[in-house]
Amino acid sequence: MIVGGVVFDLLTPPRFTAVPLFTAAPLVAAPFFTVRITLVAGAAAVLALVGLRLHSGTLDEAPSITELVTLITVSAFALMINRVVRRSGERLASARGIAESAQRAVLPTPAERIGGLRVAARYEAAQADAFIGGDLYAVQDTPYGVRLVVGDVRGKGMGAVEAVAVVLGAFREAAEQESSLEGVSQRLERALAREGTRRDGLDAFEGFTTAVLAEVARGEAVVRIVNRGHPEPLVLYADGGLERLEPTEPALPLGMADLGPWPDRADEVPFPPGATLLFYTDGLSEARDVSGAFYDPAERLAGRSFARPGELLDALVEDVRRHTGGGGTTDDLALLAVSKPQG
């Protein structure tokens, strides 16, 4: 811009001025470059203007002095803008670091192998630059086998994150202590009710949480599942077969016990070696394409097989992006895949 201003000033009559180009140079540099480059841009623009006015012999005239004062003032403002932008960037980087730390603390990535099972998890927040929301997952090796939970808290923001922390904390404790999966579910129910009472009502504490709990006991080729109003998990078999694990008896989400008693009953389904369990939140099943059609994971995965659960989740995330035209989902998306190795 400075070079263009010099050429413009030299090739045009005296009544035309290149000062707008000179003043724009440090302003353009300010938000994109360092303070040193911004300072160099401002100084170069001032020197270019002084040189042109010396060349034309008009440096001591009032218009030239006004142009010079204007350019110096704008360059000073550009330095201030650069400082503000850099401070904002540092604060944003700090906030992102805190968010990442909070996610690792509240929703840590599970190990690749737990209790003889291969495990993979993915979390994608719908909100840009967000790291954690109302979706949750956890996998834990317990005396009763490998137990896991995948859930979705109603609501957004810090209230949902707090509910996630309550559910996960209760699950980690109950999974070690309760002898049955139904008992784990009831402990989560009581934890949400207790927290809701402490916060002056369940509505003040997000209200309810859909969740699915599962248990894979050692030495057994079955999985026990308790579904509390959550999207049905899928089981993918080694031969490409797929089954949607619909509950025998539908149940209300966690946190809705005040509507009436609803005893938990675990369903038991085959889980042979080579099979993979896929758990997901409604951010997957409610992803829409440009025509408004929902994404159907069972339909998209039927007939396909994957060597590892991580490969399954990578393919699923990429397929959802293609389905939505690259726009992403409108809700948080949590995925958890657990496979039983063959042999």
Foldseek 3Di string as FASTA:
>chain_A
DLVVQLVVCVPDDVVDHSLVVLLVQLLVCQLPHALVVSLVSLVSSLVSLCVSCVVVVNCPPPVSVVSNVVSVVSSVVSSVSSVVNVVVVVVLVVVLVVQVVLCCVLANFDDQDDQQKGKGKDWDFLDPSHDDWQWHKDWHQEPFAIKMKTKGFADTDPLSSVLSSQLVVLLVVCVHPPNDPLSSLVSSLVSLVVVQVVQPHNVSRRQFMWMKMWGDGPPAQKIKIWGAPFQFKKKAAQQQAIDTDDDPDYHHTRRVCVVDDDRIDIDMDGHHARMKIKDKGCLQQCQAAPVRDGHDPCVVRGRDGDPHVVVVVVVSQVVSCVRHVNSGTNGMMMMMMIHRHDD
